Amino acid sequence: MANKIVIALDVMSGEAGAEAALEGANISLGKNPNLYFKLYGDEVVIGQYLANLPKLKQQSSIHHTDFIVSMTMKPSQALRKGRKVSSMWQAIASVRDGEAGGALSAGNTGALMAMASICLRTLRRIDRTAIAAIWPTLKGRTIVLDMGANLHVSAQNLVEFGFMGAAMARIIFKTKTPKVGILNIGEEEMKGNEDLKEAASVLRDSGMPLDYIGFVEGDGISKGLADVVVTEGFAGNIALKTAEGTARQMGTLLRDAFKSSWLSRLGYLLVAPSLKILRKNLDPNNSNGGVFLGLKGIVIKCHGSSDSLGFAHAIDLTASMIKNDLVNEIRNDLNVYYKDHDVIEDQKATVTKKVPAMNNKEV
């Protein structure tokens, strides 16, 4: 098949099980017939569902694994017990071995990050892998990273997050110079800690294909002030959970309000079409898929409780990252930035120069 996009799917690890994952794959395949899936998990269970999904069955292969990483398993336990034998590990390994363009799992986030980091390794010059999420905003969508992979990071890490997020934004938003901001407690330059200030200074003068717009407050994410918002994982994860909780709260309050009287129920009938649009914009399934940036391969985390539509969106995102060669987009940016510093990397070789890094400390 010309331009075939191969995705390694960890079928069994999510809370919803194989059914949601396979139905999601089938939905995505209906939109993109060039997809091909390597399915990792219990071959009996997978085979039973594929019997009712003939198109997906034709465009996939089953790879049996007995070990499934549970949602409650610690990353260290997952590595000790599931390395090389789990569906999660084998899906990632297929990317490492060039058998798939990217891997997708709805399983344990910590275990997935640990396995991906060990199996694929990070790109040269990337010190920390980050999880990037796509948020709906008043102006469209915004990429926010890190969403919880790193509780505390350095200024250099924040700069790298900015570069990686901008590369992802160029693919998704089709813009040559994405707007990049740093999450902070205020927009003023004097606010925030020294790491934030140092990262801001470097991003502002980096000369990279991005437009650094300055510090962004929490409400600036939903306003869509930037295409990319950079933060450490501690603040990023809290912001994400707060936004998700607020969206659910709004839905509950609206539902209760429209049930409060017969007049309210009548009003609901009048505004139902508009509420349907609102529901679609706030539905996390429509923004599903956390991208692990900084690895030598594409790995995407699907929300653990995703339904088939959520899986389909995450698969669409995975296919887009593969098709647009996200890893090399990031690699090329790093080569450009560090060409006069210390590292030049291409796909086949790495050349090291002993020149001071951006923070004037030899790495």
Protein backbone atom coordinates (compact mmCIF):
# COMPACT_ATOMS: atom_id res chain seq x y z
CA MET A 1 0.00 0.00 0.00
CA ALA A 2 1.42 3.38 -1.01
CA ASN A 3 2.16 5.77 1.86
CA LYS A 4 1.10 3.20 4.44
CA ILE A 5 1.06 4.53 8.01
CA VAL A 6 1.72 1.78 10.54
CA ILE A 7 0.52 2.31 14.12
CA ALA A 8 1.37 -0.03 17.00
CA LEU A 9 -1.71 -0.16 19.23
CA ASP A 10 -1.54 -1.37 22.82
CA VAL A 11 -5.04 -2.78 22.79
CA MET A 12 -5.48 -4.12 26.32
CA SER A 13 -4.04 -1.56 28.74
CA GLY A 14 -6.82 1.06 28.95
CA GLU A 15 -9.71 1.12 31.38
CA ALA A 16 -12.24 0.57 28.57
CA GLY A 17 -10.44 -2.52 27.28
CA ALA A 18 -10.06 -3.87 23.77
CA GLU A 19 -13.50 -2.97 22.47
CA ALA A 20 -13.05 0.81 22.62
CA ALA A 21 -9.53 0.63 21.19
CA LEU A 22 -10.50 -1.55 18.23
CA GLU A 23 -13.71 0.33 17.45
CA GLY A 24 -11.71 3.55 17.55
CA ALA A 25 -9.16 2.07 15.15
CA ASN A 26 -11.99 1.05 12.84
CA ILE A 27 -13.44 4.59 12.90
CA SER A 28 -10.06 6.12 12.12
CA LEU A 29 -9.44 3.59 9.35
CA GLY A 30 -12.71 4.64 7.74
CA LYS A 31 -11.32 8.18 7.41
CA ASN A 32 -7.79 7.14 6.43
CA PRO A 33 -7.57 3.90 4.41
CA ASN A 34 -3.74 4.08 4.43
CA LEU A 35 -3.61 3.07 8.09
CA TYR A 36 -2.29 -0.32 9.12
CA PHE A 37 -2.36 -1.53 12.74
CA LYS A 38 -0.09 -3.83 14.69
CA LEU A 39 -2.35 -4.93 17.55
CA TYR A 40 -0.70 -6.00 20.82
CA GLY A 41 -2.64 -7.93 23.44
CA ASP A 42 -4.64 -11.11 23.99
CA GLU A 43 -5.06 -12.67 20.53
CA VAL A 44 -8.28 -14.46 21.53
CA VAL A 45 -9.97 -11.27 22.74
CA ILE A 46 -8.71 -9.22 19.81
CA GLY A 47 -9.74 -11.89 17.34
CA GLN A 48 -13.29 -11.98 18.68
CA TYR A 49 -13.77 -8.25 18.11
CA LEU A 50 -12.04 -8.28 14.72
CA ALA A 51 -14.54 -10.90 13.52
CA ASN A 52 -17.12 -8.08 13.46
CA LEU A 53 -14.71 -5.52 12.00
CA PRO A 54 -13.68 -6.99 8.63
CA LYS A 55 -11.98 -3.87 7.25
CA LEU A 56 -9.86 -3.49 10.36
CA LYS A 57 -9.06 -7.20 10.33
CA GLN A 58 -7.74 -6.87 6.80
CA GLN A 59 -5.61 -3.87 7.73
CA SER A 60 -4.03 -5.25 10.90
CA SER A 61 -1.95 -8.01 12.43
CA ILE A 62 -2.28 -9.49 15.92
CA HIS A 63 0.73 -9.90 18.20
CA HIS A 64 -0.13 -11.94 21.26
CA THR A 65 1.09 -10.96 24.70
CA ASP A 66 0.10 -12.49 28.02
CA PHE A 67 1.25 -9.63 30.24
CA ILE A 68 -0.85 -6.46 30.52
CA VAL A 69 0.41 -3.46 32.51
CA SER A 70 -2.32 -2.53 35.01
CA MET A 71 -3.39 1.04 35.70
CA THR A 72 -2.29 0.75 39.34
CA MET A 73 1.15 -0.70 38.70
CA LYS A 74 4.12 1.45 39.64
CA PRO A 75 6.50 2.30 36.78
CA SER A 76 9.31 0.36 38.47
CA GLN A 77 7.07 -2.71 38.75
CA ALA A 78 5.97 -2.36 35.14
CA LEU A 79 9.58 -2.26 34.00
CA ARG A 80 10.60 -5.18 36.18
CA LYS A 81 7.69 -7.43 35.24
CA GLY A 82 6.58 -6.17 31.84
CA ARG A 83 9.79 -5.27 30.06
CA LYS A 84 9.95 -7.07 26.70
CA VAL A 85 6.85 -9.19 27.44
CA SER A 86 4.00 -6.71 27.94
CA SER A 87 1.74 -5.34 25.20
CA MET A 88 2.88 -1.84 26.15
CA TRP A 89 6.60 -2.59 25.78
CA GLN A 90 6.20 -4.53 22.55
CA ALA A 91 4.17 -1.76 20.93
CA ILE A 92 6.93 0.73 21.77
CA ALA A 93 9.65 -1.69 20.67
CA SER A 94 8.03 -1.99 17.24
CA VAL A 95 8.65 1.76 16.80
CA ARG A 96 12.26 1.35 17.90
CA ASP A 97 12.77 -1.50 15.44
CA GLY A 98 11.26 0.42 12.53
CA GLU A 99 8.21 -1.84 12.25
CA ALA A 100 5.74 0.93 13.13
CA GLY A 101 5.77 4.70 12.75
CA GLY A 102 4.27 5.35 16.17
CA ALA A 103 2.80 3.67 19.24
CA LEU A 104 -0.46 4.44 21.05
CA SER A 105 -1.55 3.25 24.49
CA ALA A 106 -4.33 4.13 26.94
CA GLY A 107 -2.47 2.42 29.75
CA ASN A 108 -0.63 3.54 32.87
CA THR A 109 0.97 6.92 32.08
CA GLY A 110 3.97 6.51 34.36
CA ALA A 111 4.71 3.04 33.05
CA LEU A 112 4.30 4.18 29.45
CA MET A 113 6.70 7.08 29.98
CA ALA A 114 9.26 4.88 31.73
CA MET A 115 9.13 2.19 29.05
CA ALA A 116 9.21 4.68 26.18
CA SER A 117 12.20 6.52 27.66
CA ILE A 118 14.20 3.32 28.15
CA CYS A 119 13.19 1.61 24.92
CA LEU A 120 13.44 4.59 22.55
CA ARG A 121 15.77 6.97 24.40
CA THR A 122 15.65 10.73 24.04
CA LEU A 123 16.95 12.80 21.17
CA ARG A 124 20.41 14.23 21.52
CA ARG A 125 20.30 17.49 23.45
CA ILE A 126 16.91 16.70 25.00
CA ASP A 127 17.29 16.25 28.73
CA ARG A 128 13.62 15.69 29.64
CA THR A 129 10.73 14.14 27.75
CA ALA A 130 7.52 16.19 27.97
CA ILE A 131 3.85 15.32 27.56
CA ALA A 132 2.07 17.74 25.23
CA ALA A 133 -1.72 18.05 25.25
CA ILE A 134 -4.03 19.92 22.88
CA TRP A 135 -6.55 22.20 24.60
CA PRO A 136 -9.71 23.75 23.12
CA THR A 137 -9.65 27.54 23.49
CA LEU A 138 -11.75 30.55 22.51
CA LYS A 139 -9.62 30.96 19.39
CA GLY A 140 -9.23 27.31 18.43
CA ARG A 141 -6.63 25.04 20.01
CA THR A 142 -3.44 25.42 22.06
CA ILE A 143 -0.62 22.97 22.79
CA VAL A 144 0.37 22.88 26.47
CA LEU A 145 3.44 21.08 27.80
CA ASP A 146 4.52 19.58 30.14
CA MET A 147 1.41 17.83 31.48
CA GLY A 148 3.04 15.87 34.28
CA ALA A 149 6.13 14.02 33.11
CA ASN A 150 8.46 16.33 35.07
CA LEU A 151 7.52 17.94 38.37
CA HIS A 152 10.42 20.39 38.34
CA VAL A 153 12.52 21.52 35.40
CA SER A 154 15.39 23.87 34.60
CA ALA A 155 15.40 26.90 32.33
CA GLN A 156 17.07 24.83 29.62
CA ASN A 157 14.29 22.22 29.87
CA LEU A 158 11.66 24.95 29.40
CA VAL A 159 13.49 26.21 26.32
CA GLU A 160 13.59 22.69 24.88
CA PHE A 161 9.86 22.34 25.61
CA GLY A 162 9.31 25.56 23.68
CA PHE A 163 11.22 24.25 20.66
CA MET A 164 9.43 20.89 20.70
CA GLY A 165 6.01 22.45 21.19
CA ALA A 166 6.63 24.87 18.32
CA ALA A 167 7.62 21.99 16.03
CA MET A 168 4.40 20.17 16.93
CA ALA A 169 2.36 23.34 16.41
CA ARG A 170 3.78 23.83 12.91
CA ILE A 171 2.49 20.36 12.03
CA ILE A 172 -0.95 20.66 13.63
CA PHE A 173 -1.75 24.34 13.06
CA LYS A 174 0.11 24.74 9.75
CA THR A 175 1.74 27.97 10.88
CA LYS A 176 5.39 28.79 10.16
CA THR A 177 6.01 30.75 13.37
CA PRO A 178 3.76 29.54 16.22
CA LYS A 179 3.17 31.90 19.12
CA VAL A 180 4.92 30.52 22.22
CA GLY A 181 4.38 31.68 25.80
CA ILE A 182 5.49 30.57 29.27
CA LEU A 183 2.90 29.93 31.98
CA ASN A 184 3.49 32.26 34.92
CA ILE A 185 1.71 33.98 37.79
CA GLY A 186 1.64 37.25 35.85
CA GLU A 187 2.45 38.72 32.45
CA GLU A 188 5.04 41.19 33.76
CA GLU A 189 8.67 40.34 32.99
CA MET A 190 9.78 40.76 36.60
CA LYS A 191 7.39 38.06 37.88
CA GLY A 192 8.25 34.39 38.33
CA ASN A 193 11.37 32.54 39.40
CA GLU A 194 14.81 32.80 37.80
CA ASP A 195 14.34 29.69 35.66
CA LEU A 196 11.25 31.22 34.04
CA LYS A 197 13.04 34.51 33.43
CA GLU A 198 16.09 32.79 31.94
CA ALA A 199 13.96 30.60 29.67
CA ALA A 200 12.02 33.66 28.54
CA SER A 201 15.22 35.47 27.64
CA VAL A 202 16.53 32.55 25.59
CA LEU A 203 13.25 31.92 23.74
CA ARG A 204 12.90 35.62 22.96
CA ASP A 205 16.32 35.76 21.28
CA SER A 206 16.54 32.18 19.97
CA GLY A 207 16.12 33.04 16.29
CA MET A 208 14.03 29.88 15.89
CA PRO A 209 10.82 29.61 13.82
CA LEU A 210 8.58 30.73 16.67
CA ASP A 211 7.13 33.96 17.99
CA TYR A 212 7.78 34.29 21.72
CA ILE A 213 4.95 36.42 23.16
CA GLY A 214 6.02 36.50 26.83
CA PHE A 215 4.47 35.17 30.03
CA VAL A 216 0.91 33.84 29.97
CA GLU A 217 -1.37 33.63 33.01
CA GLY A 218 -3.62 30.63 33.61
CA ASP A 219 -6.67 32.19 31.97
CA GLY A 220 -4.54 33.02 28.94
CA ILE A 221 -4.56 29.36 27.92
CA SER A 222 -8.34 29.26 27.46
CA LYS A 223 -8.24 32.67 25.77
CA GLY A 224 -5.97 31.19 23.12
CA LEU A 225 -3.26 33.83 23.52
CA ALA A 226 -0.56 31.42 22.35
CA ASP A 227 -0.28 28.40 20.07
CA VAL A 228 2.08 26.81 22.60
CA VAL A 229 2.19 27.32 26.37
CA VAL A 230 5.24 25.99 28.20
CA THR A 231 5.29 25.01 31.87
CA GLU A 232 6.69 22.45 34.28
CA GLY A 233 4.73 19.25 34.76
CA PHE A 234 3.56 20.09 38.28
CA ALA A 235 1.74 23.26 37.27
CA GLY A 236 0.72 21.83 33.91
CA ASN A 237 -0.99 18.80 35.38
CA ILE A 238 -2.85 20.89 37.96
CA ALA A 239 -3.99 23.28 35.22
CA LEU A 240 -5.19 20.36 33.09
CA LYS A 241 -7.16 18.70 35.89
CA THR A 242 -8.65 22.05 36.90
CA ALA A 243 -9.77 22.75 33.34
CA GLU A 244 -11.30 19.27 32.99
CA GLY A 245 -13.09 19.66 36.33
CA THR A 246 -14.40 23.09 35.38
CA ALA A 247 -15.77 21.75 32.09
CA ARG A 248 -17.60 18.95 33.91
CA GLN A 249 -18.91 21.44 36.48
CA MET A 250 -20.28 23.69 33.75
CA GLY A 251 -22.03 20.74 32.15
CA THR A 252 -23.63 19.69 35.42
CA LEU A 253 -24.75 23.22 36.31
CA LEU A 254 -26.28 23.75 32.88
CA ARG A 255 -28.09 20.41 33.04
CA ASP A 256 -29.47 21.18 36.51
CA ALA A 257 -30.52 24.68 35.47
CA PHE A 258 -32.50 23.42 32.48
CA LYS A 259 -34.28 20.88 34.67
CA SER A 260 -35.29 23.41 37.33
CA SER A 261 -38.69 24.37 35.84
CA TRP A 262 -40.99 23.80 32.88
CA LEU A 263 -39.97 27.20 31.51
CA SER A 264 -36.32 26.19 31.69
CA ARG A 265 -37.10 22.97 29.83
CA LEU A 266 -38.80 25.01 27.13
CA GLY A 267 -35.74 27.24 26.95
CA TYR A 268 -33.58 24.18 26.52
CA LEU A 269 -35.44 23.21 23.36
CA LEU A 270 -34.66 26.64 21.92
CA VAL A 271 -30.93 26.56 22.69
CA ALA A 272 -30.31 22.82 22.20
CA PRO A 273 -28.42 23.23 18.89
CA SER A 274 -26.06 25.77 20.47
CA LEU A 275 -25.53 23.55 23.50
CA LYS A 276 -24.63 20.69 21.19
CA ILE A 277 -21.83 22.81 19.73
CA LEU A 278 -20.69 23.76 23.25
CA ARG A 279 -20.69 20.11 24.31
CA LYS A 280 -18.61 19.16 21.28
CA ASN A 281 -16.04 21.88 21.99
CA LEU A 282 -15.71 20.83 25.63
CA ASP A 283 -15.69 17.08 24.99
CA PRO A 284 -12.21 15.78 26.01
CA ASN A 285 -12.54 13.02 23.42
CA ASN A 286 -12.16 15.66 20.71
CA SER A 287 -8.77 16.70 22.08
CA ASN A 288 -7.61 13.24 23.12
CA GLY A 289 -3.98 12.20 22.92
CA GLY A 290 -0.95 13.31 24.92
CA VAL A 291 2.18 13.36 22.75
CA PHE A 292 5.48 12.30 24.34
CA LEU A 293 7.92 14.84 22.90
CA GLY A 294 11.69 14.42 22.89
CA LEU A 295 11.91 10.68 22.17
CA LYS A 296 13.54 9.05 19.16
CA GLY A 297 10.13 7.79 18.13
CA ILE A 298 6.47 8.74 18.34
CA VAL A 299 4.52 7.60 21.41
CA ILE A 300 1.08 8.94 22.28
CA LYS A 301 -0.92 8.46 25.46
CA CYS A 302 -4.67 8.03 25.04
CA HIS A 303 -6.86 8.93 28.03
CA GLY A 304 -7.40 5.81 30.13
CA SER A 305 -11.20 6.05 30.08
CA SER A 306 -11.50 6.95 26.40
CA ASP A 307 -14.41 5.60 24.42
CA SER A 308 -14.16 4.61 20.75
CA LEU A 309 -14.41 8.21 19.55
CA GLY A 310 -11.63 9.22 21.93
CA PHE A 311 -9.43 6.45 20.59
CA ALA A 312 -10.23 7.49 17.03
CA HIS A 313 -9.09 11.07 17.71
CA ALA A 314 -5.89 9.84 19.37
CA ILE A 315 -5.21 7.53 16.42
CA ASP A 316 -5.81 10.41 14.00
CA LEU A 317 -3.29 12.46 15.96
CA THR A 318 -0.76 9.62 15.91
CA ALA A 319 -1.16 9.24 12.16
CA SER A 320 -0.64 12.98 11.68
CA MET A 321 2.55 12.97 13.75
CA ILE A 322 3.89 10.02 11.72
CA LYS A 323 2.90 11.47 8.37
CA ASN A 324 4.50 14.83 9.13
CA ASP A 325 7.62 13.26 10.67
CA LEU A 326 7.43 14.97 14.05
CA VAL A 327 10.66 13.45 15.36
CA ASN A 328 12.75 14.80 12.50
CA GLU A 329 10.98 18.16 12.73
CA ILE A 330 12.21 18.45 16.31
CA ARG A 331 15.62 17.01 15.46
CA ASN A 332 16.14 19.54 12.67
CA ASP A 333 15.20 22.43 14.96
CA LEU A 334 17.71 21.27 17.53
CA ASN A 335 20.40 20.99 14.84
CA VAL A 336 19.73 24.54 13.71
CA TYR A 337 19.77 25.99 17.22
CA TYR A 338 22.82 24.10 18.46
CA LYS A 339 24.86 24.22 15.25
CA ASP A 340 27.23 26.72 16.87
CA HIS A 341 26.97 25.22 20.35
CA ASP A 342 27.74 21.58 20.96
CA VAL A 343 25.73 19.00 19.00
CA ILE A 344 24.73 18.34 15.41
CA GLU A 345 22.58 15.28 14.82
CA ASP A 346 21.06 13.69 11.78
CA GLN A 347 19.19 10.45 11.35
CA LYS A 348 22.29 8.32 10.84
CA ALA A 349 25.08 9.92 12.80
CA THR A 350 25.83 12.26 15.66
CA VAL A 351 28.77 14.68 15.64
CA THR A 352 29.82 16.15 18.96
CA LYS A 353 31.62 19.47 19.36
CA LYS A 354 33.08 20.67 22.63
CA VAL A 355 31.57 24.13 22.65
CA PRO A 356 29.75 25.73 25.63
CA ALA A 357 26.02 25.05 25.78
CA MET A 358 23.46 27.81 26.09
CA ASN A 359 23.78 28.01 29.87
CA ASN A 360 27.60 28.25 29.60
CA LYS A 361 28.02 24.90 31.30
CA GLU A 362 29.49 21.99 29.40
CA VAL A 363 26.92 19.20 29.04
